[in-house]
């Protein structure tokens, strides 16, 4: 089993080039992972004929399918030995912010938050908007932050 932490800066991964920390995106991460895998297989050729399974959680719901797609494209080249991609596994993947971040209804349906807190989330915060503000604009209203604190405390 080979564990790879990506993108650069996640977990114990690092770069000696500071611009690498601000210039990555889904596409560059998939490209970097493919380059890593190809280089790793060159260094350890005994694994070239092994089956490959890709797995990840959370935002790997984006990274793993993109890497799998690149591997399939790579394997179309008749001049190279194909990488034997056998499967993909995603655990609790973040596929889409509007879908994946809408957890208040689920928490409420399991009795984890009150009716009042659910209504606050829907009227004050709108959880998908919160995550877009946080991840895209790095800006969250105080009111929404207070509601999320309340959800966490319940």
C-alpha atoms as a PDB file:
ATOM      1  CA  UNK A   1       0.000   0.000   0.000  1.00  0.00           C
ATOM      2  CA  UNK A   2       1.335   3.395  -0.987  1.00  0.00           C
ATOM      3  CA  UNK A   3       0.006   6.521   0.723  1.00  0.00           C
ATOM      4  CA  UNK A   4       0.332   9.827  -1.118  1.00  0.00           C
ATOM      5  CA  UNK A   5      -0.578  13.147   0.453  1.00  0.00           C
ATOM      6  CA  UNK A   6      -1.570  15.814  -1.982  1.00  0.00           C
ATOM      7  CA  UNK A   7      -1.815  18.574  -2.974  1.00  0.00           C
ATOM      8  CA  UNK A   8       1.461  20.105  -1.900  1.00  0.00           C
ATOM      9  CA  UNK A   9       1.278  21.246   1.715  1.00  0.00           C
ATOM     10  CA  UNK A  10      -1.280  18.668   2.871  1.00  0.00           C
ATOM     11  CA  UNK A  11      -0.212  16.433   5.749  1.00  0.00           C
ATOM     12  CA  UNK A  12       3.533  15.880   5.638  1.00  0.00           C
ATOM     13  CA  UNK A  13       3.917  16.829   1.965  1.00  0.00           C
ATOM     14  CA  UNK A  14       5.996  19.888   1.167  1.00  0.00           C
ATOM     15  CA  UNK A  15       7.808  21.759  -1.561  1.00  0.00           C
ATOM     16  CA  UNK A  16      11.016  23.749  -1.560  1.00  0.00           C
ATOM     17  CA  UNK A  17       9.348  26.246  -3.892  1.00  0.00           C
ATOM     18  CA  UNK A  18       7.010  28.618  -2.053  1.00  0.00           C
ATOM     19  CA  UNK A  19       4.948  29.381  -5.174  1.00  0.00           C
ATOM     20  CA  UNK A  20       3.856  25.716  -5.247  1.00  0.00           C
ATOM     21  CA  UNK A  21       1.686  26.409  -2.211  1.00  0.00           C
ATOM     22  CA  UNK A  22      -0.413  29.050  -3.944  1.00  0.00           C
ATOM     23  CA  UNK A  23      -0.484  27.861  -7.545  1.00  0.00           C
ATOM     24  CA  UNK A  24      -2.175  24.456  -7.297  1.00  0.00           C
ATOM     25  CA  UNK A  25      -5.683  23.574  -8.374  1.00  0.00           C
ATOM     26  CA  UNK A  26      -7.558  20.369  -9.200  1.00  0.00           C
ATOM     27  CA  UNK A  27      -5.892  20.045 -12.611  1.00  0.00           C
ATOM     28  CA  UNK A  28      -2.341  20.633 -11.382  1.00  0.00           C
ATOM     29  CA  UNK A  29      -2.920  18.245  -8.485  1.00  0.00           C
ATOM     30  CA  UNK A  30      -4.024  15.467 -10.848  1.00  0.00           C
ATOM     31  CA  UNK A  31      -1.032  16.189 -13.104  1.00  0.00           C
ATOM     32  CA  UNK A  32       1.360  16.159 -10.139  1.00  0.00           C
ATOM     33  CA  UNK A  33      -0.095  12.878  -8.877  1.00  0.00           C
ATOM     34  CA  UNK A  34       0.280  11.242 -12.288  1.00  0.00           C
ATOM     35  CA  UNK A  35       3.895  12.451 -12.555  1.00  0.00           C
ATOM     36  CA  UNK A  36       4.580  11.145  -9.071  1.00  0.00           C
ATOM     37  CA  UNK A  37       3.056   7.766  -9.862  1.00  0.00           C
ATOM     38  CA  UNK A  38       5.008   7.420 -13.125  1.00  0.00           C
ATOM     39  CA  UNK A  39       8.274   8.391 -11.409  1.00  0.00           C
ATOM     40  CA  UNK A  40       7.569   6.047  -8.514  1.00  0.00           C
ATOM     41  CA  UNK A  41       6.954   3.156 -10.897  1.00  0.00           C
ATOM     42  CA  UNK A  42      10.248   3.932 -12.651  1.00  0.00           C
ATOM     43  CA  UNK A  43      12.056   3.838  -9.326  1.00  0.00           C
ATOM     44  CA  UNK A  44      10.252   0.656  -8.224  1.00  0.00           C
ATOM     45  CA  UNK A  45       9.662  -1.248 -11.492  1.00  0.00           C
ATOM     46  CA  UNK A  46       8.630  -4.447  -9.709  1.00  0.00           C
ATOM     47  CA  UNK A  47       5.232  -2.769  -9.127  1.00  0.00           C
ATOM     48  CA  UNK A  48       4.588  -1.894 -12.791  1.00  0.00           C
ATOM     49  CA  UNK A  49       2.476  -4.998 -13.329  1.00  0.00           C
ATOM     50  CA  UNK A  50       0.555  -4.666 -10.059  1.00  0.00           C
ATOM     51  CA  UNK A  51      -3.110  -3.734  -9.954  1.00  0.00           C
ATOM     52  CA  UNK A  52      -3.740  -0.153  -8.872  1.00  0.00           C
ATOM     53  CA  UNK A  53      -6.630   0.980  -6.715  1.00  0.00           C
ATOM     54  CA  UNK A  54      -7.057   4.676  -5.961  1.00  0.00           C
ATOM     55  CA  UNK A  55      -8.795   5.691  -2.753  1.00  0.00           C
ATOM     56  CA  UNK A  56      -9.413   8.885  -0.855  1.00  0.00           C
ATOM     57  CA  UNK A  57     -11.886  10.836   1.215  1.00  0.00           C
ATOM     58  CA  UNK A  58     -13.282  14.329   1.444  1.00  0.00           C
ATOM     59  CA  UNK A  59     -11.890  16.541  -1.337  1.00  0.00           C
ATOM     60  CA  UNK A  60     -10.362  13.441  -2.944  1.00  0.00           C
ATOM     61  CA  UNK A  61     -13.881  13.208  -4.380  1.00  0.00           C
ATOM     62  CA  UNK A  62     -12.408  15.608  -6.942  1.00  0.00           C
ATOM     63  CA  UNK A  63      -8.769  14.495  -7.046  1.00  0.00           C
ATOM     64  CA  UNK A  64      -9.240  10.725  -7.398  1.00  0.00           C
ATOM     65  CA  UNK A  65     -11.640  10.779 -10.386  1.00  0.00           C
ATOM     66  CA  UNK A  66      -9.435  13.339 -12.130  1.00  0.00           C
ATOM     67  CA  UNK A  67      -6.330  11.210 -11.572  1.00  0.00           C
ATOM     68  CA  UNK A  68      -8.201   8.108 -12.755  1.00  0.00           C
ATOM     69  CA  UNK A  69      -9.206   9.974 -15.914  1.00  0.00           C
ATOM     70  CA  UNK A  70      -5.584  10.980 -16.552  1.00  0.00           C
ATOM     71  CA  UNK A  71      -4.453   7.391 -16.021  1.00  0.00           C
ATOM     72  CA  UNK A  72      -6.990   6.153 -18.561  1.00  0.00           C
ATOM     73  CA  UNK A  73      -5.760   8.747 -21.067  1.00  0.00           C
ATOM     74  CA  UNK A  74      -2.145   7.803 -20.290  1.00  0.00           C
ATOM     75  CA  UNK A  75      -2.964   4.151 -20.954  1.00  0.00           C
ATOM     76  CA  UNK A  76      -4.165   4.964 -24.492  1.00  0.00           C
ATOM     77  CA  UNK A  77      -0.556   5.568 -25.545  1.00  0.00           C
ATOM     78  CA  UNK A  78       0.480   2.374 -27.391  1.00  0.00           C
ATOM     79  CA  UNK A  79       4.191   3.053 -26.831  1.00  0.00           C
ATOM     80  CA  UNK A  80       4.097   2.601 -23.066  1.00  0.00           C
ATOM     81  CA  UNK A  81       3.088  -0.114 -20.673  1.00  0.00           C
ATOM     82  CA  UNK A  82      -0.304   0.709 -19.192  1.00  0.00           C
ATOM     83  CA  UNK A  83      -0.870   1.302 -15.505  1.00  0.00           C
ATOM     84  CA  UNK A  84      -3.317  -1.360 -14.362  1.00  0.00           C
ATOM     85  CA  UNK A  85      -6.020   0.788 -12.781  1.00  0.00           C
ATOM     86  CA  UNK A  86      -8.517  -1.678 -11.304  1.00  0.00           C
ATOM     87  CA  UNK A  87     -10.741   0.484  -9.157  1.00  0.00           C
ATOM     88  CA  UNK A  88     -11.553   3.694  -7.350  1.00  0.00           C
ATOM     89  CA  UNK A  89     -12.919   4.087  -3.817  1.00  0.00           C
ATOM     90  CA  UNK A  90     -14.231   7.336  -2.344  1.00  0.00           C
ATOM     91  CA  UNK A  91     -15.129   7.658   1.318  1.00  0.00           C
ATOM     92  CA  UNK A  92     -17.429  10.515   2.303  1.00  0.00           C
ATOM     93  CA  UNK A  93     -16.374  12.431  -0.802  1.00  0.00           C
ATOM     94  CA  UNK A  94     -16.895  16.124  -1.351  1.00  0.00           C
ATOM     95  CA  UNK A  95     -18.443  16.013  -4.797  1.00  0.00           C
ATOM     96  CA  UNK A  96     -20.337  19.309  -4.895  1.00  0.00           C
ATOM     97  CA  UNK A  97     -20.551  22.068  -2.286  1.00  0.00           C
ATOM     98  CA  UNK A  98     -24.307  22.542  -2.661  1.00  0.00           C
ATOM     99  CA  UNK A  99     -24.939  18.830  -2.136  1.00  0.00           C
ATOM    100  CA  UNK A 100     -22.183  17.773   0.241  1.00  0.00           C
ATOM    101  CA  UNK A 101     -22.412  20.698   2.631  1.00  0.00           C
ATOM    102  CA  UNK A 102     -26.172  20.584   3.213  1.00  0.00           C
ATOM    103  CA  UNK A 103     -25.995  18.659   6.482  1.00  0.00           C
ATOM    104  CA  UNK A 104     -28.425  20.558   8.712  1.00  0.00           C
ATOM    105  CA  UNK A 105     -31.480  18.627   7.488  1.00  0.00           C
ATOM    106  CA  UNK A 106     -29.696  15.346   8.123  1.00  0.00           C
ATOM    107  CA  UNK A 107     -28.587  16.453  11.597  1.00  0.00           C
ATOM    108  CA  UNK A 108     -32.149  17.561  12.394  1.00  0.00           C
ATOM    109  CA  UNK A 109     -33.698  14.310  11.094  1.00  0.00           C
ATOM    110  CA  UNK A 110     -31.478  12.360  13.489  1.00  0.00           C
ATOM    111  CA  UNK A 111     -32.330  14.569  16.455  1.00  0.00           C
ATOM    112  CA  UNK A 112     -28.863  16.108  16.589  1.00  0.00           C
ATOM    113  CA  UNK A 113     -30.067  19.715  16.333  1.00  0.00           C
ATOM    114  CA  UNK A 114     -33.280  21.429  17.418  1.00  0.00           C
ATOM    115  CA  UNK A 115     -36.104  22.716  15.211  1.00  0.00           C
ATOM    116  CA  UNK A 116     -35.084  26.262  16.109  1.00  0.00           C
ATOM    117  CA  UNK A 117     -31.448  25.713  15.105  1.00  0.00           C
ATOM    118  CA  UNK A 118     -32.497  24.150  11.801  1.00  0.00           C
ATOM    119  CA  UNK A 119     -34.664  27.205  11.026  1.00  0.00           C
ATOM    120  CA  UNK A 120     -31.765  29.528  11.918  1.00  0.00           C
ATOM    121  CA  UNK A 121     -29.475  27.605   9.594  1.00  0.00           C
ATOM    122  CA  UNK A 122     -31.973  27.849   6.757  1.00  0.00           C
ATOM    123  CA  UNK A 123     -32.812  31.539   7.204  1.00  0.00           C
ATOM    124  CA  UNK A 124     -29.616  33.108   8.554  1.00  0.00           C
ATOM    125  CA  UNK A 125     -26.824  30.978   7.229  1.00  0.00           C
ATOM    126  CA  UNK A 126     -27.805  28.836   4.246  1.00  0.00           C
ATOM    127  CA  UNK A 127     -24.950  26.375   4.783  1.00  0.00           C
ATOM    128  CA  UNK A 128     -23.954  26.021   1.124  1.00  0.00           C
ATOM    129  CA  UNK A 129     -23.575  29.799   0.906  1.00  0.00           C
ATOM    130  CA  UNK A 130     -21.433  29.722   4.054  1.00  0.00           C
ATOM    131  CA  UNK A 131     -18.997  27.220   2.610  1.00  0.00           C
ATOM    132  CA  UNK A 132     -18.767  29.063  -0.675  1.00  0.00           C
ATOM    133  CA  UNK A 133     -18.039  32.277   1.215  1.00  0.00           C
ATOM    134  CA  UNK A 134     -15.458  30.518   3.351  1.00  0.00           C
ATOM    135  CA  UNK A 135     -13.656  28.541   0.653  1.00  0.00           C
ATOM    136  CA  UNK A 136     -14.012  30.915  -2.280  1.00  0.00           C
ATOM    137  CA  UNK A 137     -14.036  34.366  -0.727  1.00  0.00           C
ATOM    138  CA  UNK A 138     -12.663  33.705   2.781  1.00  0.00           C
ATOM    139  CA  UNK A 139     -15.480  35.868   4.155  1.00  0.00           C
ATOM    140  CA  UNK A 140     -18.222  34.696   6.523  1.00  0.00           C
ATOM    141  CA  UNK A 141     -20.872  36.779   8.261  1.00  0.00           C
ATOM    142  CA  UNK A 142     -20.838  36.905  12.065  1.00  0.00           C
ATOM    143  CA  UNK A 143     -24.481  35.789  12.151  1.00  0.00           C
ATOM    144  CA  UNK A 144     -23.780  32.685  10.091  1.00  0.00           C
ATOM    145  CA  UNK A 145     -20.686  31.874  12.140  1.00  0.00           C
ATOM    146  CA  UNK A 146     -22.803  32.090  15.318  1.00  0.00           C
ATOM    147  CA  UNK A 147     -25.373  29.651  13.873  1.00  0.00           C
ATOM    148  CA  UNK A 148     -22.638  27.171  12.936  1.00  0.00           C
ATOM    149  CA  UNK A 149     -21.195  27.417  16.437  1.00  0.00           C
ATOM    150  CA  UNK A 150     -24.669  26.647  17.779  1.00  0.00           C
ATOM    151  CA  UNK A 151     -24.951  23.588  15.500  1.00  0.00           C
ATOM    152  CA  UNK A 152     -21.567  22.339  16.697  1.00  0.00           C
ATOM    153  CA  UNK A 153     -22.517  22.873  20.332  1.00  0.00           C
ATOM    154  CA  UNK A 154     -25.818  20.993  20.050  1.00  0.00           C
END
